[in-house]
Amino acid sequence: MKYYIIAGEASGDLHGSNLIKALVTKDSRANIRCWGGDMMEAAGGKLVRHYKEMAFMGFAEVLFNLNTIFKNIKFCKTDIAAFDPDVIIFIDYSGFNLRIAQWAKVSGFRTNYYISPQIWASREQRIQKIKASIDAMYVILPFEKAYYEEKHSFGVHFVGHPLFDAMTNRPALDEGQFRQRNQLDETKPIIALLPGSREQEVMKMLLLMLSITGDFEEYQFVIAGAPSLAPEFYTAFLGKPNVGFVTNQTYDLLALSRAALVTSGTATLETALFKVPQVVCYRANWISYQIAKRIITLEYISLVNLIMGKEVVKELIQNDLNTKNLKTELAKILVNPGRALQLKAYDELEKKLGGPGASDKTATLIIDGL
């Protein structure tokens, strides 16, 4: 069978790579062409366009790059038509993927969506595009199945969260080697800093996160470098005796961390699944925040709290994200009872997410659908 897969971000590359591995295992003749990244290519996909060439985030950035975006859409349609796949698989990245899906459906291609657009958070009207252009949807959050089926009468498959697959496929970790390789203190417990993946976001978050390092000198704060940013970018944030840095090793870092400060997003869920108590951080520029407030109607911003339906992890948003509050909230999760409460809730969260096997289940459903 011929599969055309489109992912537009680092997380999509990760989950797309595990899906490709599952497809290849189940279909020995699988011919896979993809938009994604290095991991999808290494898994066996023929890479057409790297996500780094198309990862435009934020209202202003999208506006300034409209010409490039439209060129990518045009090229994608041409490439799909030439490849003539048996199925097109969209992974998240809704702004681009729903445009392609509308064209693909009219053009007679089978369309599958893995990792739903978060229409339950904003722009719910996109359900009309999904119902009109998607043949099968595979969702990864437990509440999404009821949302689609009960609220919008659109049948979907809950496959579990692919983060479990990404975590279980990791090689064994030697803590001593990890610390030596990254020139980290060999004795101090680690507090992980996950400041995001976009340059402006990282600069803003890191300055705040690092403002409390002097209050926790018995710990080592370690910055998780994003694969989308060059290691040299982080040089300006280093130099303090209890601040370290790793790049492309976020999971290993989390596996060894005592606590974490995390910019909102998928990283909050990853941190929870590694059983690391965390404080969630979010701050946007004033205009973006005002727009977001009017579009997003959720009670929480972290996936952990959204899935649990209650505040499990502290969210410091906009003006609440400051040095004083960061210091207070981090101190709470380094000791009990705050630490124990988060860890207990993480166990409940893991049960709700359905365990490992999302990639395998999705690959089976895709092939069965053909």
Protein backbone atom coordinates (compact mmCIF):
# COMPACT_ATOMS: atom_id res chain seq x y z
CA MET A 1 0.00 0.00 0.00
CA LYS A 2 1.02 3.60 -0.54
CA TYR A 3 0.79 5.98 2.43
CA TYR A 4 1.20 9.76 2.39
CA ILE A 5 1.74 11.22 5.87
CA ILE A 6 1.78 14.93 6.76
CA ALA A 7 3.19 16.21 10.08
CA GLY A 8 4.28 19.82 10.58
CA GLU A 9 5.95 19.95 14.00
CA ALA A 10 8.57 18.16 16.12
CA SER A 11 5.92 16.25 18.10
CA GLY A 12 4.29 15.13 14.86
CA ASP A 13 7.67 13.88 13.65
CA LEU A 14 8.05 11.80 16.82
CA HIS A 15 4.59 10.26 16.70
CA GLY A 16 4.72 9.92 12.92
CA SER A 17 7.95 7.94 13.17
CA ASN A 18 6.38 5.41 15.53
CA LEU A 19 3.34 5.14 13.27
CA ILE A 20 5.60 4.50 10.27
CA LYS A 21 7.40 1.73 12.19
CA ALA A 22 4.05 0.11 12.97
CA LEU A 23 2.84 0.41 9.36
CA VAL A 24 6.03 -1.13 7.99
CA THR A 25 5.77 -4.00 10.47
CA LYS A 26 2.20 -4.77 9.43
CA ASP A 27 2.56 -4.06 5.71
CA SER A 28 5.83 -5.38 4.28
CA ARG A 29 5.14 -3.60 0.99
CA ALA A 30 4.41 -0.22 2.56
CA ASN A 31 5.55 2.69 0.41
CA ILE A 32 5.55 5.81 2.59
CA ARG A 33 6.03 9.40 1.48
CA CYS A 34 5.92 12.09 4.15
CA TRP A 35 6.19 15.64 5.37
CA GLY A 36 7.84 15.59 8.79
CA GLY A 37 11.36 15.36 10.11
CA ASP A 38 14.47 13.31 10.67
CA MET A 39 12.73 10.71 12.82
CA MET A 40 10.07 9.92 10.22
CA GLU A 41 12.76 9.64 7.57
CA ALA A 42 14.83 7.31 9.75
CA ALA A 43 11.76 5.14 10.37
CA GLY A 44 11.36 4.49 6.65
CA GLY A 45 9.45 7.41 5.14
CA LYS A 46 10.60 9.25 2.03
CA LEU A 47 10.86 12.83 3.32
CA VAL A 48 9.36 15.45 1.01
CA ARG A 49 9.50 18.57 3.21
CA HIS A 50 11.02 19.09 6.67
CA TYR A 51 8.79 20.57 9.37
CA LYS A 52 11.45 23.21 10.10
CA GLU A 53 10.57 24.77 6.74
CA MET A 54 6.90 25.12 7.64
CA ALA A 55 6.57 25.51 11.43
CA PHE A 56 5.04 28.99 11.62
CA MET A 57 3.42 29.61 15.01
CA GLY A 58 1.50 32.63 16.24
CA PHE A 59 -0.78 35.07 14.45
CA ALA A 60 1.93 37.49 13.32
CA GLU A 61 4.36 34.83 12.12
CA VAL A 62 1.70 33.13 10.02
CA LEU A 63 0.69 36.46 8.49
CA PHE A 64 4.26 37.33 7.52
CA ASN A 65 4.80 33.91 5.91
CA LEU A 66 1.54 33.55 3.99
CA ASN A 67 3.32 33.39 0.64
CA THR A 68 5.47 30.45 1.77
CA ILE A 69 2.46 28.69 3.30
CA PHE A 70 0.43 28.95 0.09
CA LYS A 71 3.39 27.68 -1.95
CA ASN A 72 3.66 24.69 0.38
CA ILE A 73 -0.05 23.94 0.03
CA LYS A 74 0.16 24.08 -3.76
CA PHE A 75 3.25 21.88 -3.85
CA CYS A 76 1.71 19.38 -1.43
CA LYS A 77 -1.37 18.90 -3.61
CA THR A 78 0.79 18.40 -6.70
CA ASP A 79 3.02 15.90 -4.89
CA ILE A 80 0.07 13.89 -3.56
CA ALA A 81 -1.52 13.71 -6.99
CA ALA A 82 1.75 12.46 -8.51
CA PHE A 83 2.25 9.84 -5.76
CA ASP A 84 -1.42 8.71 -5.85
CA PRO A 85 -1.52 7.17 -2.35
CA ASP A 86 -4.07 4.66 -1.07
CA VAL A 87 -4.52 6.83 2.01
CA ILE A 88 -3.40 10.23 3.28
CA ILE A 89 -2.68 10.39 7.02
CA PHE A 90 -2.78 13.81 8.68
CA ILE A 91 -1.03 14.27 12.03
CA ASP A 92 -2.26 17.28 14.05
CA TYR A 93 -1.08 20.56 12.35
CA SER A 94 -4.66 21.51 11.52
CA GLY A 95 -4.18 24.85 9.77
CA PHE A 96 -2.32 23.18 6.93
CA ASN A 97 -3.77 19.68 7.09
CA LEU A 98 -7.45 20.61 6.97
CA ARG A 99 -6.83 22.63 3.82
CA ILE A 100 -5.19 19.64 2.17
CA ALA A 101 -7.88 17.29 3.49
CA GLN A 102 -10.68 19.31 1.87
CA TRP A 103 -8.94 19.14 -1.49
CA ALA A 104 -7.98 15.47 -1.05
CA LYS A 105 -11.53 14.35 -0.26
CA VAL A 106 -12.95 16.10 -3.33
CA SER A 107 -10.11 14.60 -5.39
CA GLY A 108 -11.09 11.08 -4.36
CA PHE A 109 -8.35 10.21 -1.86
CA ARG A 110 -9.00 8.35 1.39
CA THR A 111 -8.32 10.67 4.33
CA ASN A 112 -7.34 9.61 7.88
CA TYR A 113 -6.55 11.95 10.77
CA TYR A 114 -4.26 10.87 13.64
CA ILE A 115 -4.09 13.20 16.67
CA SER A 116 -7.13 15.41 16.36
CA PRO A 117 -7.04 19.19 15.99
CA GLN A 118 -7.94 20.66 19.37
CA ILE A 119 -11.31 21.98 18.25
CA TRP A 120 -12.62 21.37 21.78
CA ALA A 121 -10.31 24.21 22.87
CA SER A 122 -10.89 26.77 20.12
CA ARG A 123 -12.52 27.32 16.73
CA GLU A 124 -15.06 24.57 17.23
CA GLN A 125 -16.60 25.37 13.86
CA ARG A 126 -13.78 23.35 12.27
CA ILE A 127 -15.90 20.27 13.00
CA GLN A 128 -17.75 21.00 9.76
CA LYS A 129 -14.54 20.70 7.74
CA ILE A 130 -13.61 17.52 9.59
CA LYS A 131 -16.98 15.86 9.02
CA ALA A 132 -16.92 16.81 5.36
CA SER A 133 -13.34 15.81 4.57
CA ILE A 134 -12.11 13.09 6.98
CA ASP A 135 -12.97 9.40 6.52
CA ALA A 136 -11.50 8.18 9.82
CA MET A 137 -10.29 9.98 12.94
CA TYR A 138 -7.97 8.49 15.58
CA VAL A 139 -8.02 10.48 18.84
CA ILE A 140 -5.49 10.27 21.67
CA LEU A 141 -7.24 11.94 24.62
CA PRO A 142 -9.99 10.05 26.50
CA PHE A 143 -12.50 12.92 26.53
CA GLU A 144 -12.22 13.46 22.76
CA LYS A 145 -14.25 10.36 21.86
CA ALA A 146 -17.29 11.56 23.80
CA TYR A 147 -16.78 15.10 22.50
CA TYR A 148 -16.91 14.02 18.86
CA GLU A 149 -19.53 11.31 19.14
CA GLU A 150 -21.97 12.79 21.67
CA LYS A 151 -21.68 16.46 20.83
CA HIS A 152 -21.07 16.30 17.08
CA SER A 153 -22.33 12.84 15.99
CA PHE A 154 -19.01 12.01 14.37
CA GLY A 155 -17.61 8.54 15.07
CA VAL A 156 -13.93 8.36 16.07
CA HIS A 157 -11.48 5.77 17.43
CA PHE A 158 -9.75 6.32 20.79
CA VAL A 159 -6.32 4.69 20.43
CA GLY A 160 -4.55 5.92 23.57
CA HIS A 161 -1.73 8.42 23.76
CA PRO A 162 1.38 7.88 21.55
CA LEU A 163 3.64 9.36 24.23
CA PHE A 164 3.60 5.93 25.88
CA ASP A 165 5.14 4.45 22.71
CA ALA A 166 7.78 7.17 22.55
CA MET A 167 8.70 6.54 26.18
CA THR A 168 8.79 2.74 26.03
CA ASN A 169 10.94 2.73 22.87
CA ARG A 170 13.75 4.61 24.63
CA PRO A 171 17.12 2.88 25.19
CA ALA A 172 18.30 2.19 28.74
CA LEU A 173 19.69 5.25 30.55
CA ASP A 174 22.88 5.43 32.61
CA GLU A 175 22.60 8.43 34.94
CA GLY A 176 26.34 8.75 35.51
CA GLN A 177 27.11 8.76 31.80
CA PHE A 178 24.30 11.24 31.14
CA ARG A 179 25.66 13.69 33.71
CA GLN A 180 29.26 13.33 32.51
CA ARG A 181 28.34 13.63 28.85
CA ASN A 182 26.45 16.86 29.47
CA GLN A 183 28.93 18.28 32.02
CA LEU A 184 26.35 18.29 34.80
CA ASP A 185 27.04 18.22 38.53
CA GLU A 186 27.30 14.58 39.58
CA THR A 187 25.57 15.01 42.95
CA LYS A 188 22.93 17.76 42.84
CA PRO A 189 19.31 16.71 42.16
CA ILE A 190 17.96 18.09 38.87
CA ILE A 191 15.17 20.54 38.21
CA ALA A 192 14.30 20.43 34.50
CA LEU A 193 13.47 23.62 32.59
CA LEU A 194 11.29 23.08 29.51
CA PRO A 195 10.84 26.61 28.08
CA GLY A 196 9.25 25.71 24.75
CA SER A 197 10.52 25.42 21.19
CA ARG A 198 10.15 28.84 19.56
CA GLU A 199 12.88 31.46 19.92
CA GLN A 200 10.81 34.33 21.33
CA GLU A 201 8.91 32.01 23.65
CA VAL A 202 12.12 30.44 24.98
CA MET A 203 13.78 33.79 25.64
CA LYS A 204 10.78 35.01 27.61
CA MET A 205 10.30 31.80 29.60
CA LEU A 206 13.94 31.13 30.40
CA LEU A 207 14.57 34.57 31.84
CA LEU A 208 11.74 33.99 34.30
CA MET A 209 12.62 30.39 35.08
CA LEU A 210 16.26 31.22 35.74
CA SER A 211 15.33 34.11 38.02
CA ILE A 212 14.84 31.67 40.93
CA THR A 213 17.99 29.55 40.61
CA GLY A 214 19.73 31.48 43.39
CA ASP A 215 16.98 30.43 45.82
CA PHE A 216 17.59 26.72 45.21
CA GLU A 217 21.37 26.40 45.20
CA GLU A 218 21.24 22.80 46.42
CA TYR A 219 19.63 21.85 43.06
CA GLN A 220 20.88 21.96 39.49
CA PHE A 221 18.59 23.60 36.93
CA VAL A 222 18.99 21.98 33.52
CA ILE A 223 17.61 23.58 30.35
CA ALA A 224 16.10 21.20 27.78
CA GLY A 225 17.21 22.51 24.40
CA ALA A 226 14.59 22.21 21.65
CA PRO A 227 15.56 20.37 18.43
CA SER A 228 14.26 23.34 16.43
CA LEU A 229 16.86 25.71 17.95
CA ALA A 230 20.65 25.62 17.61
CA PRO A 231 22.55 24.85 20.87
CA GLU A 232 24.41 28.16 20.45
CA PHE A 233 21.14 30.01 20.99
CA TYR A 234 21.16 28.97 24.65
CA THR A 235 24.68 30.22 25.41
CA ALA A 236 23.43 33.54 26.76
CA PHE A 237 21.44 31.73 29.47
CA LEU A 238 24.34 29.68 30.79
CA GLY A 239 27.13 30.60 33.17
CA LYS A 240 25.56 30.29 36.61
CA PRO A 241 27.11 27.51 38.73
CA ASN A 242 23.87 25.57 39.13
CA VAL A 243 22.56 25.87 35.55
CA GLY A 244 23.22 23.19 32.94
CA PHE A 245 22.06 22.43 29.42
CA VAL A 246 21.19 19.41 27.28
CA THR A 247 19.89 19.27 23.73
CA ASN A 248 17.70 16.60 22.08
CA GLN A 249 17.66 14.67 25.37
CA THR A 250 14.46 15.89 27.01
CA TYR A 251 13.14 12.43 27.90
CA ASP A 252 16.43 11.39 29.50
CA LEU A 253 16.44 14.66 31.42
CA LEU A 254 12.90 14.14 32.69
CA ALA A 255 13.68 10.57 33.70
CA LEU A 256 16.31 11.92 36.10
CA SER A 257 14.55 15.07 37.35
CA ARG A 258 13.20 15.84 40.80
CA ALA A 259 10.83 18.55 39.51
CA ALA A 260 10.25 20.69 36.42
CA LEU A 261 9.15 24.12 35.24
CA VAL A 262 7.28 23.59 32.00
CA THR A 263 5.87 25.87 29.32
CA SER A 264 2.29 24.80 28.56
CA GLY A 265 1.75 22.29 25.77
CA THR A 266 2.40 18.60 25.20
CA ALA A 267 5.46 18.90 27.46
CA THR A 268 3.17 19.13 30.49
CA LEU A 269 1.80 15.67 29.71
CA GLU A 270 5.24 14.24 28.97
CA THR A 271 6.47 15.52 32.31
CA ALA A 272 3.52 13.93 34.11
CA LEU A 273 4.06 10.55 32.46
CA PHE A 274 7.67 10.60 33.66
CA LYS A 275 6.21 11.16 37.15
CA VAL A 276 7.96 14.53 37.61
CA PRO A 277 6.10 17.13 39.73
CA GLN A 278 5.80 20.37 37.77
CA VAL A 279 4.75 23.98 37.64
CA VAL A 280 3.16 25.01 34.32
CA CYS A 281 4.19 28.39 32.89
CA TYR A 282 2.56 30.50 30.21
CA ARG A 283 3.03 34.08 29.11
CA ALA A 284 2.33 35.61 25.70
CA ASN A 285 2.57 39.17 24.46
CA TRP A 286 -0.44 41.27 25.43
CA ILE A 287 -2.12 41.27 22.01
CA SER A 288 -1.76 37.49 21.48
CA TYR A 289 -3.05 36.83 24.98
CA GLN A 290 -6.13 39.02 24.48
CA ILE A 291 -6.89 37.24 21.20
CA ALA A 292 -6.36 33.81 22.77
CA LYS A 293 -8.66 34.64 25.69
CA ARG A 294 -11.49 35.33 23.29
CA ILE A 295 -10.92 32.21 21.20
CA ILE A 296 -10.04 29.59 23.81
CA THR A 297 -12.81 28.68 26.22
CA LEU A 298 -11.06 26.12 28.44
CA GLU A 299 -10.81 26.22 32.22
CA TYR A 300 -7.18 24.99 32.14
CA ILE A 301 -4.24 25.32 29.75
CA SER A 302 -2.28 22.17 30.64
CA LEU A 303 -3.23 18.77 29.23
CA VAL A 304 -2.74 17.24 32.67
CA ASN A 305 -5.48 19.36 34.23
CA LEU A 306 -7.73 19.12 31.17
CA ILE A 307 -7.67 15.33 31.17
CA MET A 308 -8.15 15.08 34.92
CA GLY A 309 -10.86 17.75 34.96
CA LYS A 310 -9.32 19.45 37.99
CA GLU A 311 -6.18 21.33 39.02
CA VAL A 312 -3.48 18.73 39.49
CA VAL A 313 -0.54 20.93 38.51
CA LYS A 314 -0.27 24.65 39.27
CA GLU A 315 -0.70 26.90 36.24
CA LEU A 316 1.01 30.30 36.37
CA ILE A 317 -0.49 32.33 33.54
CA GLN A 318 0.41 35.79 32.25
CA ASN A 319 0.85 38.21 35.21
CA ASP A 320 0.74 35.35 37.71
CA LEU A 321 3.95 34.05 36.16
CA ASN A 322 6.58 35.94 38.13
CA THR A 323 9.64 35.22 40.24
CA LYS A 324 7.80 35.23 43.55
CA ASN A 325 5.10 32.78 42.47
CA LEU A 326 7.56 30.50 40.69
CA LYS A 327 9.68 30.26 43.83
CA THR A 328 6.65 29.54 46.02
CA GLU A 329 5.12 26.89 43.75
CA LEU A 330 8.39 25.09 43.04
CA ALA A 331 9.13 24.86 46.75
CA LYS A 332 5.73 23.19 47.30
CA ILE A 333 6.39 20.30 44.91
CA LEU A 334 9.91 19.54 46.11
CA VAL A 335 8.54 18.21 49.41
CA ASN A 336 5.39 16.55 50.72
CA PRO A 337 2.46 16.92 50.82
CA GLY A 338 2.52 18.89 47.54
CA ARG A 339 4.84 16.42 45.88
CA ALA A 340 2.90 13.34 46.95
CA LEU A 341 -0.42 14.80 45.79
CA GLN A 342 0.86 15.39 42.25
CA LEU A 343 2.42 11.94 42.01
CA LYS A 344 -0.80 10.26 43.15
CA ALA A 345 -2.79 12.19 40.55
CA TYR A 346 -0.27 11.17 37.86
CA ASP A 347 -1.10 7.50 38.53
CA GLU A 348 -4.80 8.25 37.90
CA LEU A 349 -3.87 10.18 34.74
CA GLU A 350 -1.92 7.25 33.34
CA LYS A 351 -4.90 4.92 33.76
CA LYS A 352 -7.18 7.38 31.94
CA LEU A 353 -4.82 7.57 28.96
CA GLY A 354 -5.18 3.87 28.19
CA GLY A 355 -1.56 2.67 28.26
CA PRO A 356 0.87 1.95 25.40
CA GLY A 357 0.09 0.77 21.87
CA ALA A 358 -1.40 3.85 20.16
CA SER A 359 0.88 3.54 17.13
CA ASP A 360 0.13 -0.15 16.70
CA LYS A 361 -3.64 0.31 17.13
CA THR A 362 -3.73 3.20 14.68
CA ALA A 363 -1.70 1.33 12.05
CA THR A 364 -4.05 -1.66 12.33
CA LEU A 365 -7.15 0.55 11.93
CA ILE A 366 -5.64 2.37 8.94
CA ILE A 367 -4.78 -0.89 7.15
CA ASP A 368 -8.13 -2.48 8.02
CA GLY A 369 -9.84 0.59 6.58
CA LEU A 370 -8.13 -0.04 3.27
